[in-house]
Protein backbone atom coordinates (compact mmCIF):
# COMPACT_ATOMS: atom_id res chain seq x y z
CA UNK A 1 0.00 0.00 0.00
CA UNK A 2 1.51 3.33 -1.03
CA UNK A 3 1.45 6.50 1.00
CA UNK A 4 -0.39 9.36 -0.70
CA UNK A 5 1.92 12.10 -1.89
CA UNK A 6 1.20 15.41 -0.18
CA UNK A 7 0.34 18.30 -2.44
CA UNK A 8 2.96 21.01 -2.75
CA UNK A 9 2.32 24.00 -0.47
CA UNK A 10 1.11 26.29 -3.28
CA UNK A 11 -1.41 23.69 -4.43
CA UNK A 12 -2.65 23.11 -0.87
CA UNK A 13 -3.10 26.83 -0.39
CA UNK A 14 -5.08 27.17 -3.61
CA UNK A 15 -7.19 24.10 -2.86
CA UNK A 16 -8.08 25.25 0.65
CA UNK A 17 -8.63 28.87 -0.37
CA UNK A 18 -10.87 27.88 -3.27
CA UNK A 19 -13.05 25.67 -1.11
CA UNK A 20 -13.37 28.36 1.55
CA UNK A 21 -13.85 31.28 -0.83
CA UNK A 22 -16.53 29.51 -2.83
CA UNK A 23 -18.45 28.30 0.20
CA UNK A 24 -18.15 31.34 2.48
CA UNK A 25 -17.07 34.29 0.35
CA UNK A 26 -13.78 36.10 0.03
CA UNK A 27 -14.29 38.72 2.70
CA UNK A 28 -15.26 36.09 5.29
CA UNK A 29 -12.00 34.21 4.87
CA UNK A 30 -8.80 35.57 6.33
CA UNK A 31 -5.30 34.67 5.28
CA UNK A 32 -4.58 33.16 8.71
CA UNK A 33 -7.40 30.65 8.26
CA UNK A 34 -6.13 29.65 4.81
CA UNK A 35 -2.61 29.27 6.24
CA UNK A 36 -3.87 27.13 9.13
CA UNK A 37 -6.09 24.87 7.03
CA UNK A 38 -3.46 24.47 4.31
CA UNK A 39 -0.93 23.66 7.02
CA UNK A 40 1.75 26.01 5.70
CA UNK A 41 3.94 28.61 7.32
CA UNK A 42 3.06 32.27 6.90
CA UNK A 43 6.35 32.82 5.06
CA UNK A 44 5.48 30.01 2.64
CA UNK A 45 2.10 31.55 1.96
CA UNK A 46 3.58 34.99 1.22
CA UNK A 47 6.32 33.46 -0.93
CA UNK A 48 3.61 32.22 -3.29
CA UNK A 49 0.99 34.96 -2.82
CA UNK A 50 2.18 38.46 -1.87
CA UNK A 51 -1.41 39.48 -1.04
CA UNK A 52 -4.89 38.10 -0.62
CA UNK A 53 -5.82 39.69 -3.95
CA UNK A 54 -3.02 37.73 -5.62
CA UNK A 55 -4.42 34.55 -4.05
CA UNK A 56 -7.92 35.36 -5.29
CA UNK A 57 -6.75 35.99 -8.86
CA UNK A 58 -4.61 32.83 -8.82
CA UNK A 59 -7.51 30.75 -7.57
CA UNK A 60 -9.80 32.06 -10.30
CA UNK A 61 -7.20 31.22 -12.93
CA UNK A 62 -6.64 27.77 -11.47
CA UNK A 63 -10.37 27.12 -11.26
CA UNK A 64 -10.77 27.86 -14.94
CA UNK A 65 -7.74 25.75 -15.89
CA UNK A 66 -9.06 22.78 -13.90
CA UNK A 67 -12.46 23.05 -15.57
CA UNK A 68 -11.32 23.21 -19.20
CA UNK A 69 -10.22 19.56 -19.64
CA UNK A 70 -13.64 18.35 -18.48
CA UNK A 71 -15.66 20.35 -21.02
CA UNK A 72 -17.04 18.77 -24.16
CA UNK A 73 -14.82 19.66 -27.14
CA UNK A 74 -15.65 22.77 -29.16
CA UNK A 75 -15.46 20.74 -32.38
CA UNK A 76 -17.36 17.65 -31.22
CA UNK A 77 -20.86 16.67 -32.27
CA UNK A 78 -23.36 19.41 -31.41
CA UNK A 79 -20.77 21.22 -29.28
CA UNK A 80 -23.08 23.94 -27.97
CA UNK A 81 -25.77 21.46 -26.97
CA UNK A 82 -23.16 19.20 -25.33
CA UNK A 83 -21.75 22.15 -23.38
CA UNK A 84 -25.15 23.31 -22.12
CA UNK A 85 -26.19 19.79 -21.10
CA UNK A 86 -22.86 19.41 -19.29
CA UNK A 87 -23.32 22.70 -17.41
CA UNK A 88 -26.90 21.81 -16.47
CA UNK A 89 -25.72 18.46 -15.11
CA UNK A 90 -23.20 20.29 -12.92
CA UNK A 91 -25.84 22.80 -11.78
CA UNK A 92 -28.12 19.94 -10.72
CA UNK A 93 -25.54 18.40 -8.41
CA UNK A 94 -26.72 18.69 -4.79
CA UNK A 95 -23.41 20.22 -3.69
CA UNK A 96 -23.24 22.82 -6.48
CA UNK A 97 -22.92 26.35 -5.11
CA UNK A 98 -23.44 28.19 -8.38
CA UNK A 99 -20.84 30.16 -10.27
CA UNK A 100 -17.68 31.14 -8.42
CA UNK A 101 -17.01 33.92 -10.92
CA UNK A 102 -20.42 35.50 -10.35
CA UNK A 103 -19.77 35.36 -6.63
CA UNK A 104 -16.43 37.07 -7.08
CA UNK A 105 -17.89 39.86 -9.19
CA UNK A 106 -20.70 40.36 -6.69
CA UNK A 107 -18.34 40.53 -3.75
CA UNK A 108 -15.92 42.92 -5.44
CA UNK A 109 -18.02 45.46 -7.32
CA UNK A 110 -14.99 47.43 -8.49
CA UNK A 111 -14.30 46.03 -11.95
CA UNK A 112 -10.60 46.81 -11.54
CA UNK A 113 -10.29 44.58 -8.46
CA UNK A 114 -8.05 41.62 -9.43
CA UNK A 115 -10.78 39.10 -8.60
CA UNK A 116 -13.47 40.92 -10.54
CA UNK A 117 -11.14 41.51 -13.49
CA UNK A 118 -10.10 37.83 -13.54
CA UNK A 119 -13.76 36.78 -13.44
CA UNK A 120 -14.64 39.07 -16.35
CA UNK A 121 -11.77 37.54 -18.31
CA UNK A 122 -13.10 34.02 -17.65
CA UNK A 123 -16.66 34.97 -18.62
CA UNK A 124 -15.41 36.70 -21.78
CA UNK A 125 -13.67 33.45 -22.77
CA UNK A 126 -16.85 31.48 -22.00
CA UNK A 127 -18.86 33.77 -24.24
CA UNK A 128 -16.29 33.34 -27.01
CA UNK A 129 -16.40 29.56 -26.59
CA UNK A 130 -20.19 29.60 -26.81
CA UNK A 131 -19.97 31.52 -30.11
CA UNK A 132 -17.38 29.04 -31.42
CA UNK A 133 -19.63 26.17 -30.41
CA UNK A 134 -22.72 27.76 -31.98
CA UNK A 135 -20.76 28.32 -35.20
CA UNK A 136 -19.49 24.73 -35.21
CA UNK A 137 -23.03 23.50 -34.63
CA UNK A 138 -24.15 25.43 -37.71
CA UNK A 139 -26.55 27.72 -35.90
CA UNK A 140 -27.59 30.96 -37.59
CA UNK A 141 -26.27 34.17 -36.00
CA UNK A 142 -23.90 32.33 -33.65
CA UNK A 143 -22.89 35.47 -31.75
CA UNK A 144 -26.51 36.23 -30.85
CA UNK A 145 -27.16 32.60 -29.91
CA UNK A 146 -24.02 32.60 -27.76
CA UNK A 147 -25.19 35.69 -25.90
CA UNK A 148 -28.64 34.21 -25.32
CA UNK A 149 -27.21 30.91 -24.08
CA UNK A 150 -24.73 32.79 -21.90
CA UNK A 151 -27.58 34.71 -20.25
CA UNK A 152 -29.58 31.52 -19.76
CA UNK A 153 -26.64 29.80 -18.06
CA UNK A 154 -25.88 32.85 -15.92
CA UNK A 155 -29.48 32.67 -14.71
CA UNK A 156 -29.05 28.98 -13.96
CA UNK A 157 -25.93 29.67 -11.87
CA UNK A 158 -27.65 32.51 -10.01
CA UNK A 159 -30.67 30.30 -9.27
CA UNK A 160 -28.43 27.53 -7.94
CA UNK A 161 -26.56 29.99 -5.72
CA UNK A 162 -29.87 31.35 -4.42
CA UNK A 163 -31.89 28.15 -3.99
CA UNK A 164 -29.27 25.41 -3.76
CA UNK A 165 -30.53 21.94 -4.69
CA UNK A 166 -34.09 23.32 -4.88
CA UNK A 167 -33.25 25.69 -7.74
CA UNK A 168 -35.99 25.83 -10.36
CA UNK A 169 -34.08 24.21 -13.23
CA UNK A 170 -36.75 21.90 -14.64
CA UNK A 171 -37.31 24.12 -17.69
CA UNK A 172 -33.69 25.05 -18.40
CA UNK A 173 -33.24 22.46 -21.17
CA UNK A 174 -36.56 23.41 -22.72
CA UNK A 175 -35.50 27.07 -22.70
CA UNK A 176 -32.19 26.14 -24.36
CA UNK A 177 -33.93 24.01 -26.99
CA UNK A 178 -36.21 26.95 -27.85
CA UNK A 179 -33.20 29.25 -28.15
CA UNK A 180 -31.52 27.11 -30.76
CA UNK A 181 -34.81 26.35 -32.52
C-alpha atoms as a PDB file:
ATOM      1  CA  UNK A   1       0.000   0.000   0.000  1.00  0.00           C
ATOM      2  CA  UNK A   2       1.506   3.330  -1.028  1.00  0.00           C
ATOM      3  CA  UNK A   3       1.453   6.501   0.998  1.00  0.00           C
ATOM      4  CA  UNK A   4      -0.392   9.364  -0.705  1.00  0.00           C
ATOM      5  CA  UNK A   5       1.919  12.096  -1.887  1.00  0.00           C
ATOM      6  CA  UNK A   6       1.198  15.406  -0.181  1.00  0.00           C
ATOM      7  CA  UNK A   7       0.344  18.300  -2.440  1.00  0.00           C
ATOM      8  CA  UNK A   8       2.961  21.012  -2.752  1.00  0.00           C
ATOM      9  CA  UNK A   9       2.318  23.999  -0.474  1.00  0.00           C
ATOM     10  CA  UNK A  10       1.110  26.285  -3.278  1.00  0.00           C
ATOM     11  CA  UNK A  11      -1.407  23.685  -4.426  1.00  0.00           C
ATOM     12  CA  UNK A  12      -2.651  23.106  -0.871  1.00  0.00           C
ATOM     13  CA  UNK A  13      -3.104  26.835  -0.385  1.00  0.00           C
ATOM     14  CA  UNK A  14      -5.082  27.169  -3.607  1.00  0.00           C
ATOM     15  CA  UNK A  15      -7.186  24.105  -2.864  1.00  0.00           C
ATOM     16  CA  UNK A  16      -8.077  25.251   0.650  1.00  0.00           C
ATOM     17  CA  UNK A  17      -8.628  28.869  -0.370  1.00  0.00           C
ATOM     18  CA  UNK A  18     -10.869  27.879  -3.266  1.00  0.00           C
ATOM     19  CA  UNK A  19     -13.047  25.674  -1.112  1.00  0.00           C
ATOM     20  CA  UNK A  20     -13.373  28.358   1.553  1.00  0.00           C
ATOM     21  CA  UNK A  21     -13.849  31.282  -0.827  1.00  0.00           C
ATOM     22  CA  UNK A  22     -16.529  29.508  -2.833  1.00  0.00           C
ATOM     23  CA  UNK A  23     -18.447  28.302   0.200  1.00  0.00           C
ATOM     24  CA  UNK A  24     -18.148  31.341   2.484  1.00  0.00           C
ATOM     25  CA  UNK A  25     -17.071  34.291   0.352  1.00  0.00           C
ATOM     26  CA  UNK A  26     -13.782  36.097   0.026  1.00  0.00           C
ATOM     27  CA  UNK A  27     -14.286  38.717   2.699  1.00  0.00           C
ATOM     28  CA  UNK A  28     -15.261  36.092   5.288  1.00  0.00           C
ATOM     29  CA  UNK A  29     -12.000  34.210   4.871  1.00  0.00           C
ATOM     30  CA  UNK A  30      -8.797  35.572   6.331  1.00  0.00           C
ATOM     31  CA  UNK A  31      -5.299  34.671   5.283  1.00  0.00           C
ATOM     32  CA  UNK A  32      -4.584  33.165   8.707  1.00  0.00           C
ATOM     33  CA  UNK A  33      -7.401  30.651   8.256  1.00  0.00           C
ATOM     34  CA  UNK A  34      -6.125  29.646   4.812  1.00  0.00           C
ATOM     35  CA  UNK A  35      -2.609  29.266   6.244  1.00  0.00           C
ATOM     36  CA  UNK A  36      -3.865  27.131   9.132  1.00  0.00           C
ATOM     37  CA  UNK A  37      -6.093  24.867   7.030  1.00  0.00           C
ATOM     38  CA  UNK A  38      -3.461  24.474   4.310  1.00  0.00           C
ATOM     39  CA  UNK A  39      -0.930  23.663   7.024  1.00  0.00           C
ATOM     40  CA  UNK A  40       1.751  26.005   5.705  1.00  0.00           C
ATOM     41  CA  UNK A  41       3.945  28.610   7.323  1.00  0.00           C
ATOM     42  CA  UNK A  42       3.057  32.267   6.898  1.00  0.00           C
ATOM     43  CA  UNK A  43       6.349  32.824   5.056  1.00  0.00           C
ATOM     44  CA  UNK A  44       5.480  30.009   2.644  1.00  0.00           C
ATOM     45  CA  UNK A  45       2.102  31.555   1.962  1.00  0.00           C
ATOM     46  CA  UNK A  46       3.576  34.987   1.217  1.00  0.00           C
ATOM     47  CA  UNK A  47       6.317  33.457  -0.928  1.00  0.00           C
ATOM     48  CA  UNK A  48       3.605  32.217  -3.294  1.00  0.00           C
ATOM     49  CA  UNK A  49       0.993  34.956  -2.821  1.00  0.00           C
ATOM     50  CA  UNK A  50       2.179  38.459  -1.869  1.00  0.00           C
ATOM     51  CA  UNK A  51      -1.410  39.479  -1.040  1.00  0.00           C
ATOM     52  CA  UNK A  52      -4.892  38.095  -0.617  1.00  0.00           C
ATOM     53  CA  UNK A  53      -5.821  39.693  -3.948  1.00  0.00           C
ATOM     54  CA  UNK A  54      -3.018  37.726  -5.618  1.00  0.00           C
ATOM     55  CA  UNK A  55      -4.416  34.554  -4.053  1.00  0.00           C
ATOM     56  CA  UNK A  56      -7.916  35.363  -5.289  1.00  0.00           C
ATOM     57  CA  UNK A  57      -6.753  35.994  -8.859  1.00  0.00           C
ATOM     58  CA  UNK A  58      -4.611  32.833  -8.823  1.00  0.00           C
ATOM     59  CA  UNK A  59      -7.512  30.749  -7.567  1.00  0.00           C
ATOM     60  CA  UNK A  60      -9.804  32.056 -10.304  1.00  0.00           C
ATOM     61  CA  UNK A  61      -7.202  31.224 -12.930  1.00  0.00           C
ATOM     62  CA  UNK A  62      -6.642  27.767 -11.473  1.00  0.00           C
ATOM     63  CA  UNK A  63     -10.374  27.117 -11.260  1.00  0.00           C
ATOM     64  CA  UNK A  64     -10.770  27.862 -14.938  1.00  0.00           C
ATOM     65  CA  UNK A  65      -7.742  25.746 -15.892  1.00  0.00           C
ATOM     66  CA  UNK A  66      -9.058  22.778 -13.901  1.00  0.00           C
ATOM     67  CA  UNK A  67     -12.458  23.046 -15.570  1.00  0.00           C
ATOM     68  CA  UNK A  68     -11.317  23.207 -19.199  1.00  0.00           C
ATOM     69  CA  UNK A  69     -10.220  19.563 -19.636  1.00  0.00           C
ATOM     70  CA  UNK A  70     -13.644  18.353 -18.481  1.00  0.00           C
ATOM     71  CA  UNK A  71     -15.656  20.350 -21.019  1.00  0.00           C
ATOM     72  CA  UNK A  72     -17.044  18.769 -24.163  1.00  0.00           C
ATOM     73  CA  UNK A  73     -14.817  19.661 -27.139  1.00  0.00           C
ATOM     74  CA  UNK A  74     -15.649  22.773 -29.163  1.00  0.00           C
ATOM     75  CA  UNK A  75     -15.456  20.738 -32.380  1.00  0.00           C
ATOM     76  CA  UNK A  76     -17.360  17.653 -31.220  1.00  0.00           C
ATOM     77  CA  UNK A  77     -20.862  16.674 -32.273  1.00  0.00           C
ATOM     78  CA  UNK A  78     -23.356  19.413 -31.412  1.00  0.00           C
ATOM     79  CA  UNK A  79     -20.774  21.215 -29.280  1.00  0.00           C
ATOM     80  CA  UNK A  80     -23.083  23.937 -27.966  1.00  0.00           C
ATOM     81  CA  UNK A  81     -25.766  21.457 -26.970  1.00  0.00           C
ATOM     82  CA  UNK A  82     -23.162  19.204 -25.328  1.00  0.00           C
ATOM     83  CA  UNK A  83     -21.754  22.146 -23.381  1.00  0.00           C
ATOM     84  CA  UNK A  84     -25.153  23.311 -22.119  1.00  0.00           C
ATOM     85  CA  UNK A  85     -26.193  19.794 -21.098  1.00  0.00           C
ATOM     86  CA  UNK A  86     -22.861  19.406 -19.291  1.00  0.00           C
ATOM     87  CA  UNK A  87     -23.325  22.702 -17.407  1.00  0.00           C
ATOM     88  CA  UNK A  88     -26.897  21.814 -16.467  1.00  0.00           C
ATOM     89  CA  UNK A  89     -25.720  18.456 -15.115  1.00  0.00           C
ATOM     90  CA  UNK A  90     -23.202  20.294 -12.916  1.00  0.00           C
ATOM     91  CA  UNK A  91     -25.840  22.799 -11.784  1.00  0.00           C
ATOM     92  CA  UNK A  92     -28.123  19.944 -10.717  1.00  0.00           C
ATOM     93  CA  UNK A  93     -25.538  18.397  -8.408  1.00  0.00           C
ATOM     94  CA  UNK A  94     -26.718  18.693  -4.791  1.00  0.00           C
ATOM     95  CA  UNK A  95     -23.410  20.215  -3.691  1.00  0.00           C
ATOM     96  CA  UNK A  96     -23.240  22.825  -6.480  1.00  0.00           C
ATOM     97  CA  UNK A  97     -22.923  26.355  -5.111  1.00  0.00           C
ATOM     98  CA  UNK A  98     -23.439  28.195  -8.377  1.00  0.00           C
ATOM     99  CA  UNK A  99     -20.841  30.158 -10.270  1.00  0.00           C
ATOM    100  CA  UNK A 100     -17.676  31.144  -8.419  1.00  0.00           C
ATOM    101  CA  UNK A 101     -17.008  33.920 -10.924  1.00  0.00           C
ATOM    102  CA  UNK A 102     -20.417  35.500 -10.346  1.00  0.00           C
ATOM    103  CA  UNK A 103     -19.772  35.363  -6.628  1.00  0.00           C
ATOM    104  CA  UNK A 104     -16.427  37.068  -7.081  1.00  0.00           C
ATOM    105  CA  UNK A 105     -17.890  39.861  -9.194  1.00  0.00           C
ATOM    106  CA  UNK A 106     -20.696  40.364  -6.695  1.00  0.00           C
ATOM    107  CA  UNK A 107     -18.340  40.532  -3.747  1.00  0.00           C
ATOM    108  CA  UNK A 108     -15.916  42.915  -5.443  1.00  0.00           C
ATOM    109  CA  UNK A 109     -18.023  45.457  -7.324  1.00  0.00           C
ATOM    110  CA  UNK A 110     -14.990  47.426  -8.489  1.00  0.00           C
ATOM    111  CA  UNK A 111     -14.298  46.028 -11.949  1.00  0.00           C
ATOM    112  CA  UNK A 112     -10.596  46.806 -11.538  1.00  0.00           C
ATOM    113  CA  UNK A 113     -10.291  44.585  -8.458  1.00  0.00           C
ATOM    114  CA  UNK A 114      -8.048  41.624  -9.426  1.00  0.00           C
ATOM    115  CA  UNK A 115     -10.777  39.099  -8.598  1.00  0.00           C
ATOM    116  CA  UNK A 116     -13.471  40.922 -10.537  1.00  0.00           C
ATOM    117  CA  UNK A 117     -11.136  41.509 -13.492  1.00  0.00           C
ATOM    118  CA  UNK A 118     -10.103  37.831 -13.537  1.00  0.00           C
ATOM    119  CA  UNK A 119     -13.757  36.783 -13.435  1.00  0.00           C
ATOM    120  CA  UNK A 120     -14.635  39.073 -16.346  1.00  0.00           C
ATOM    121  CA  UNK A 121     -11.770  37.540 -18.309  1.00  0.00           C
ATOM    122  CA  UNK A 122     -13.105  34.025 -17.652  1.00  0.00           C
ATOM    123  CA  UNK A 123     -16.663  34.969 -18.619  1.00  0.00           C
ATOM    124  CA  UNK A 124     -15.406  36.696 -21.777  1.00  0.00           C
ATOM    125  CA  UNK A 125     -13.668  33.454 -22.768  1.00  0.00           C
ATOM    126  CA  UNK A 126     -16.848  31.478 -21.997  1.00  0.00           C
ATOM    127  CA  UNK A 127     -18.860  33.774 -24.242  1.00  0.00           C
ATOM    128  CA  UNK A 128     -16.288  33.335 -27.010  1.00  0.00           C
ATOM    129  CA  UNK A 129     -16.398  29.562 -26.595  1.00  0.00           C
ATOM    130  CA  UNK A 130     -20.189  29.605 -26.812  1.00  0.00           C
ATOM    131  CA  UNK A 131     -19.969  31.516 -30.108  1.00  0.00           C
ATOM    132  CA  UNK A 132     -17.380  29.039 -31.422  1.00  0.00           C
ATOM    133  CA  UNK A 133     -19.627  26.165 -30.409  1.00  0.00           C
ATOM    134  CA  UNK A 134     -22.720  27.762 -31.984  1.00  0.00           C
ATOM    135  CA  UNK A 135     -20.762  28.323 -35.199  1.00  0.00           C
ATOM    136  CA  UNK A 136     -19.488  24.726 -35.208  1.00  0.00           C
ATOM    137  CA  UNK A 137     -23.029  23.497 -34.626  1.00  0.00           C
ATOM    138  CA  UNK A 138     -24.149  25.429 -37.710  1.00  0.00           C
ATOM    139  CA  UNK A 139     -26.551  27.724 -35.901  1.00  0.00           C
ATOM    140  CA  UNK A 140     -27.586  30.959 -37.585  1.00  0.00           C
ATOM    141  CA  UNK A 141     -26.273  34.168 -35.999  1.00  0.00           C
ATOM    142  CA  UNK A 142     -23.900  32.329 -33.655  1.00  0.00           C
ATOM    143  CA  UNK A 143     -22.893  35.469 -31.746  1.00  0.00           C
ATOM    144  CA  UNK A 144     -26.514  36.228 -30.852  1.00  0.00           C
ATOM    145  CA  UNK A 145     -27.156  32.597 -29.911  1.00  0.00           C
ATOM    146  CA  UNK A 146     -24.017  32.605 -27.763  1.00  0.00           C
ATOM    147  CA  UNK A 147     -25.194  35.690 -25.899  1.00  0.00           C
ATOM    148  CA  UNK A 148     -28.639  34.206 -25.318  1.00  0.00           C
ATOM    149  CA  UNK A 149     -27.207  30.906 -24.077  1.00  0.00           C
ATOM    150  CA  UNK A 150     -24.726  32.793 -21.902  1.00  0.00           C
ATOM    151  CA  UNK A 151     -27.580  34.713 -20.252  1.00  0.00           C
ATOM    152  CA  UNK A 152     -29.578  31.521 -19.764  1.00  0.00           C
ATOM    153  CA  UNK A 153     -26.644  29.797 -18.063  1.00  0.00           C
ATOM    154  CA  UNK A 154     -25.880  32.846 -15.915  1.00  0.00           C
ATOM    155  CA  UNK A 155     -29.481  32.674 -14.707  1.00  0.00           C
ATOM    156  CA  UNK A 156     -29.050  28.981 -13.960  1.00  0.00           C
ATOM    157  CA  UNK A 157     -25.927  29.671 -11.871  1.00  0.00           C
ATOM    158  CA  UNK A 158     -27.647  32.513 -10.012  1.00  0.00           C
ATOM    159  CA  UNK A 159     -30.674  30.300  -9.270  1.00  0.00           C
ATOM    160  CA  UNK A 160     -28.429  27.534  -7.942  1.00  0.00           C
ATOM    161  CA  UNK A 161     -26.560  29.988  -5.718  1.00  0.00           C
ATOM    162  CA  UNK A 162     -29.873  31.355  -4.420  1.00  0.00           C
ATOM    163  CA  UNK A 163     -31.893  28.151  -3.993  1.00  0.00           C
ATOM    164  CA  UNK A 164     -29.274  25.412  -3.761  1.00  0.00           C
ATOM    165  CA  UNK A 165     -30.532  21.942  -4.685  1.00  0.00           C
ATOM    166  CA  UNK A 166     -34.092  23.322  -4.876  1.00  0.00           C
ATOM    167  CA  UNK A 167     -33.246  25.692  -7.743  1.00  0.00           C
ATOM    168  CA  UNK A 168     -35.991  25.828 -10.364  1.00  0.00           C
ATOM    169  CA  UNK A 169     -34.083  24.213 -13.230  1.00  0.00           C
ATOM    170  CA  UNK A 170     -36.745  21.903 -14.641  1.00  0.00           C
ATOM    171  CA  UNK A 171     -37.314  24.123 -17.686  1.00  0.00           C
ATOM    172  CA  UNK A 172     -33.689  25.050 -18.405  1.00  0.00           C
ATOM    173  CA  UNK A 173     -33.241  22.459 -21.167  1.00  0.00           C
ATOM    174  CA  UNK A 174     -36.558  23.411 -22.724  1.00  0.00           C
ATOM    175  CA  UNK A 175     -35.496  27.072 -22.703  1.00  0.00           C
ATOM    176  CA  UNK A 176     -32.192  26.141 -24.362  1.00  0.00           C
ATOM    177  CA  UNK A 177     -33.934  24.006 -26.991  1.00  0.00           C
ATOM    178  CA  UNK A 178     -36.206  26.947 -27.850  1.00  0.00           C
ATOM    179  CA  UNK A 179     -33.199  29.252 -28.150  1.00  0.00           C
ATOM    180  CA  UNK A 180     -31.516  27.108 -30.756  1.00  0.00           C
ATOM    181  CA  UNK A 181     -34.813  26.347 -32.521  1.00  0.00           C
END
